[in-house]
Every structure is written in C-alpha cells, then in structure tokens.
Amino acid sequence: MLNPDSVGRTFTGAELVTVTQSEINAFADVIGETDRSVAPPTFSIRITLAQSQQLLSDPDVGLDWSRLVHGDQKFQILRPIVAGDQLRCSSTIENYKVAAGNEIVTVRSDLHSGDQLVVSTWSTLVVRA
C-alpha cells in the first residue's frame, strides 16, 4: 500500500538525459511522424516513465509495481523537445485515493532544461486490489 505521507513528495533524478536525433527519429518512426525537426509531443514519456518508475520505486513510498496498471496520461508542452536537449526529470506524487479497494495515484513528472520547464506529464496509476 502506498505510504500516504508520500503525497506531495518530489523525487528528482540524479542524471541528465541527453536527447539524440536518432532517438527522436526512432520514436517518430514508430508513431508514423514525418517531422523530425522536433520530438513528437508524446516523446517525453520515453524519459519520464523510466525516470519516475526508478524514483518511485523507493521502498518508503510503498508503491506495488507488480499490481500497477496505467490509467490515464496528460501532457503540457511548454516548448518542443529537440536533439541536444539535456533534461532532468522530477516526479511528484500529487494525489492518492482508494476506490473499490484499488489505489489510484496521480504522478506529475516535469522535464527541465536548466531552469526552464519544458514538459509536464501527469500519469494516473491504478494499483489493483
């Protein structure tokens, strides 16, 4: 069970992620995007998912990844991601509730380039009862 004291906590990744043109191209190929000058709008999930999963795997958080399913995803893009961007991810547990025995957790992940916020994503995660 998620530790309710985790709500409001922010976890910041220790490493910078450098975006390459080949990563943008590969992602664009998969979704059929032809414009390669910027990353497709959903490219950020490639970074935030891996980073937030690592950050939120802290045993003190208590999130049970073995019963977790993805419920919803939302993006706020403040500027496109481009090749050469060096991004740092932080993830905040924004909301937690229990419904019908299932835990519902909302996590916001922010990608920053230096001091500039580039993209925010919200993931609604459901931990099945």
C-alpha atoms as a PDB file:
ATOM      1  CA  MET A   1       0.000   0.000   0.000  1.00  0.00           C
ATOM      2  CA  LEU A   2       1.234   3.475  -0.859  1.00  0.00           C
ATOM      3  CA  ASN A   3       2.525   5.415   2.110  1.00  0.00           C
ATOM      4  CA  PRO A   4       0.089   8.383   2.376  1.00  0.00           C
ATOM      5  CA  ASP A   5       2.982  10.514   3.652  1.00  0.00           C
ATOM      6  CA  SER A   6       4.424  10.244   0.133  1.00  0.00           C
ATOM      7  CA  VAL A   7       1.729  12.534  -1.294  1.00  0.00           C
ATOM      8  CA  GLY A   8       3.345  15.865  -2.092  1.00  0.00           C
ATOM      9  CA  ARG A   9       6.874  14.447  -2.142  1.00  0.00           C
ATOM     10  CA  THR A  10       9.057  15.261  -5.122  1.00  0.00           C
ATOM     11  CA  PHE A  11      11.797  12.942  -6.285  1.00  0.00           C
ATOM     12  CA  THR A  12      14.472  14.392  -8.549  1.00  0.00           C
ATOM     13  CA  GLY A  13      16.528  12.248 -10.903  1.00  0.00           C
ATOM     14  CA  ALA A  14      20.260  12.395 -10.400  1.00  0.00           C
ATOM     15  CA  GLU A  15      21.210  12.158 -14.054  1.00  0.00           C
ATOM     16  CA  LEU A  16      20.713  14.386 -17.042  1.00  0.00           C
ATOM     17  CA  VAL A  17      19.226  12.741 -20.120  1.00  0.00           C
ATOM     18  CA  THR A  18      20.630  13.992 -23.417  1.00  0.00           C
ATOM     19  CA  VAL A  19      18.157  13.686 -26.289  1.00  0.00           C
ATOM     20  CA  THR A  20      19.681  12.492 -29.560  1.00  0.00           C
ATOM     21  CA  GLN A  21      18.376  12.893 -33.089  1.00  0.00           C
ATOM     22  CA  SER A  22      18.456   9.121 -33.518  1.00  0.00           C
ATOM     23  CA  GLU A  23      16.114   8.713 -30.513  1.00  0.00           C
ATOM     24  CA  ILE A  24      13.736  11.277 -31.990  1.00  0.00           C
ATOM     25  CA  ASN A  25      13.889   9.524 -35.375  1.00  0.00           C
ATOM     26  CA  ALA A  26      13.237   6.093 -33.859  1.00  0.00           C
ATOM     27  CA  PHE A  27      10.259   7.351 -31.845  1.00  0.00           C
ATOM     28  CA  ALA A  28       8.874   9.186 -34.884  1.00  0.00           C
ATOM     29  CA  ASP A  29       9.205   6.009 -36.982  1.00  0.00           C
ATOM     30  CA  VAL A  30       7.116   4.031 -34.503  1.00  0.00           C
ATOM     31  CA  ILE A  31       4.234   6.509 -34.487  1.00  0.00           C
ATOM     32  CA  GLY A  32       4.437   7.462 -38.176  1.00  0.00           C
ATOM     33  CA  GLU A  33       5.549  11.070 -37.622  1.00  0.00           C
ATOM     34  CA  THR A  34       7.390  12.601 -40.571  1.00  0.00           C
ATOM     35  CA  ASP A  35       8.566  15.882 -38.981  1.00  0.00           C
ATOM     36  CA  ARG A  36      11.904  15.088 -37.347  1.00  0.00           C
ATOM     37  CA  SER A  37      12.909  18.700 -36.536  1.00  0.00           C
ATOM     38  CA  VAL A  38      11.440  18.346 -33.029  1.00  0.00           C
ATOM     39  CA  ALA A  39      10.468  15.361 -30.906  1.00  0.00           C
ATOM     40  CA  PRO A  40       6.858  14.186 -31.273  1.00  0.00           C
ATOM     41  CA  PRO A  41       4.609  15.523 -28.497  1.00  0.00           C
ATOM     42  CA  THR A  42       4.472  12.207 -26.627  1.00  0.00           C
ATOM     43  CA  PHE A  43       8.256  11.621 -26.802  1.00  0.00           C
ATOM     44  CA  SER A  44       8.645  12.914 -23.249  1.00  0.00           C
ATOM     45  CA  ILE A  45       7.012   9.757 -21.874  1.00  0.00           C
ATOM     46  CA  ARG A  46      10.117   7.882 -23.023  1.00  0.00           C
ATOM     47  CA  ILE A  47      12.101   9.819 -20.422  1.00  0.00           C
ATOM     48  CA  THR A  48       9.547  10.436 -17.681  1.00  0.00           C
ATOM     49  CA  LEU A  49       8.296   6.858 -17.443  1.00  0.00           C
ATOM     50  CA  ALA A  50      11.719   5.333 -16.909  1.00  0.00           C
ATOM     51  CA  GLN A  51      12.804   8.097 -14.542  1.00  0.00           C
ATOM     52  CA  SER A  52       9.619   8.210 -12.467  1.00  0.00           C
ATOM     53  CA  GLN A  53       9.487   4.422 -12.131  1.00  0.00           C
ATOM     54  CA  GLN A  54      13.037   4.422 -10.813  1.00  0.00           C
ATOM     55  CA  LEU A  55      12.360   7.317  -8.459  1.00  0.00           C
ATOM     56  CA  LEU A  56       9.041   5.980  -7.183  1.00  0.00           C
ATOM     57  CA  SER A  57      10.461   2.519  -6.519  1.00  0.00           C
ATOM     58  CA  ASP A  58      11.798   3.826  -3.207  1.00  0.00           C
ATOM     59  CA  PRO A  59      10.630   1.277  -0.595  1.00  0.00           C
ATOM     60  CA  ASP A  60       9.497   4.142   1.668  1.00  0.00           C
ATOM     61  CA  VAL A  61       6.887   5.086  -0.950  1.00  0.00           C
ATOM     62  CA  GLY A  62       5.340   1.623  -0.897  1.00  0.00           C
ATOM     63  CA  LEU A  63       4.039   1.588  -4.477  1.00  0.00           C
ATOM     64  CA  ASP A  64       3.417  -2.019  -5.581  1.00  0.00           C
ATOM     65  CA  TRP A  65       4.610  -2.078  -9.205  1.00  0.00           C
ATOM     66  CA  SER A  66       3.606  -5.736  -9.639  1.00  0.00           C
ATOM     67  CA  ARG A  67      -0.128  -4.835  -9.489  1.00  0.00           C
ATOM     68  CA  LEU A  68       0.082  -1.483 -11.249  1.00  0.00           C
ATOM     69  CA  VAL A  69      -1.769  -0.605 -14.440  1.00  0.00           C
ATOM     70  CA  HIS A  70      -1.727   2.659 -16.341  1.00  0.00           C
ATOM     71  CA  GLY A  71      -4.985   4.573 -16.100  1.00  0.00           C
ATOM     72  CA  ASP A  72      -4.500   7.899 -17.902  1.00  0.00           C
ATOM     73  CA  GLN A  73      -1.860  10.248 -19.320  1.00  0.00           C
ATOM     74  CA  LYS A  74      -1.844  14.009 -19.879  1.00  0.00           C
ATOM     75  CA  PHE A  75       0.842  16.329 -21.286  1.00  0.00           C
ATOM     76  CA  GLN A  76       1.565  20.045 -21.012  1.00  0.00           C
ATOM     77  CA  ILE A  77       4.233  21.026 -23.545  1.00  0.00           C
ATOM     78  CA  LEU A  78       5.797  24.414 -22.928  1.00  0.00           C
ATOM     79  CA  ARG A  79       8.276  24.046 -25.766  1.00  0.00           C
ATOM     80  CA  PRO A  80       9.215  21.204 -28.113  1.00  0.00           C
ATOM     81  CA  ILE A  81      11.986  18.822 -27.173  1.00  0.00           C
ATOM     82  CA  VAL A  82      14.867  18.947 -29.671  1.00  0.00           C
ATOM     83  CA  ALA A  83      18.022  16.946 -30.248  1.00  0.00           C
ATOM     84  CA  GLY A  84      20.753  18.081 -27.897  1.00  0.00           C
ATOM     85  CA  ASP A  85      18.397  18.944 -25.034  1.00  0.00           C
ATOM     86  CA  GLN A  86      19.749  17.885 -21.670  1.00  0.00           C
ATOM     87  CA  LEU A  87      16.775  17.178 -19.451  1.00  0.00           C
ATOM     88  CA  ARG A  88      16.392  16.430 -15.761  1.00  0.00           C
ATOM     89  CA  CYS A  89      13.244  14.693 -14.541  1.00  0.00           C
ATOM     90  CA  SER A  90      11.461  15.227 -11.253  1.00  0.00           C
ATOM     91  CA  SER A  91       8.348  13.341 -10.204  1.00  0.00           C
ATOM     92  CA  THR A  92       5.801  14.453  -7.622  1.00  0.00           C
ATOM     93  CA  ILE A  93       3.074  12.308  -6.131  1.00  0.00           C
ATOM     94  CA  GLU A  94       0.186  14.760  -6.428  1.00  0.00           C
ATOM     95  CA  ASN A  95      -2.844  12.733  -5.407  1.00  0.00           C
ATOM     96  CA  TYR A  96      -3.777   9.440  -3.789  1.00  0.00           C
ATOM     97  CA  LYS A  97      -7.123   7.823  -3.105  1.00  0.00           C
ATOM     98  CA  VAL A  98      -8.628   4.403  -2.647  1.00  0.00           C
ATOM     99  CA  ALA A  99     -11.688   3.423  -4.703  1.00  0.00           C
ATOM    100  CA  ALA A 100     -13.284  -0.023  -4.591  1.00  0.00           C
ATOM    101  CA  GLY A 101     -10.125  -1.314  -2.930  1.00  0.00           C
ATOM    102  CA  ASN A 102      -7.896  -0.023  -5.747  1.00  0.00           C
ATOM    103  CA  GLU A 103      -5.259   2.594  -5.050  1.00  0.00           C
ATOM    104  CA  ILE A 104      -5.305   5.484  -7.532  1.00  0.00           C
ATOM    105  CA  VAL A 105      -2.153   7.578  -7.668  1.00  0.00           C
ATOM    106  CA  THR A 106      -1.520  10.685  -9.770  1.00  0.00           C
ATOM    107  CA  VAL A 107       2.116  11.469 -10.508  1.00  0.00           C
ATOM    108  CA  ARG A 108       3.325  14.649 -12.215  1.00  0.00           C
ATOM    109  CA  SER A 109       6.701  14.411 -13.911  1.00  0.00           C
ATOM    110  CA  ASP A 110       8.483  17.565 -15.022  1.00  0.00           C
ATOM    111  CA  LEU A 111      11.318  17.775 -17.529  1.00  0.00           C
ATOM    112  CA  HIS A 112      13.635  20.750 -17.075  1.00  0.00           C
ATOM    113  CA  SER A 113      16.383  22.030 -19.312  1.00  0.00           C
ATOM    114  CA  GLY A 114      18.484  24.004 -16.859  1.00  0.00           C
ATOM    115  CA  ASP A 115      15.996  26.214 -15.017  1.00  0.00           C
ATOM    116  CA  GLN A 116      13.422  26.065 -17.841  1.00  0.00           C
ATOM    117  CA  LEU A 117      10.391  23.791 -17.510  1.00  0.00           C
ATOM    118  CA  VAL A 118       9.967  22.094 -20.895  1.00  0.00           C
ATOM    119  CA  VAL A 119       7.227  19.481 -20.393  1.00  0.00           C
ATOM    120  CA  SER A 120       4.960  18.308 -17.584  1.00  0.00           C
ATOM    121  CA  THR A 121       3.203  14.956 -17.735  1.00  0.00           C
ATOM    122  CA  TRP A 122       0.537  13.549 -15.458  1.00  0.00           C
ATOM    123  CA  SER A 123       0.155   9.789 -15.093  1.00  0.00           C
ATOM    124  CA  THR A 124      -2.754   8.219 -13.308  1.00  0.00           C
ATOM    125  CA  LEU A 125      -1.666   4.857 -11.971  1.00  0.00           C
ATOM    126  CA  VAL A 126      -4.004   2.216 -10.577  1.00  0.00           C
ATOM    127  CA  VAL A 127      -2.737  -0.387  -8.145  1.00  0.00           C
ATOM    128  CA  ARG A 128      -5.265  -3.206  -8.381  1.00  0.00           C
ATOM    129  CA  ALA A 129      -6.731  -4.630  -5.206  1.00  0.00           C
END
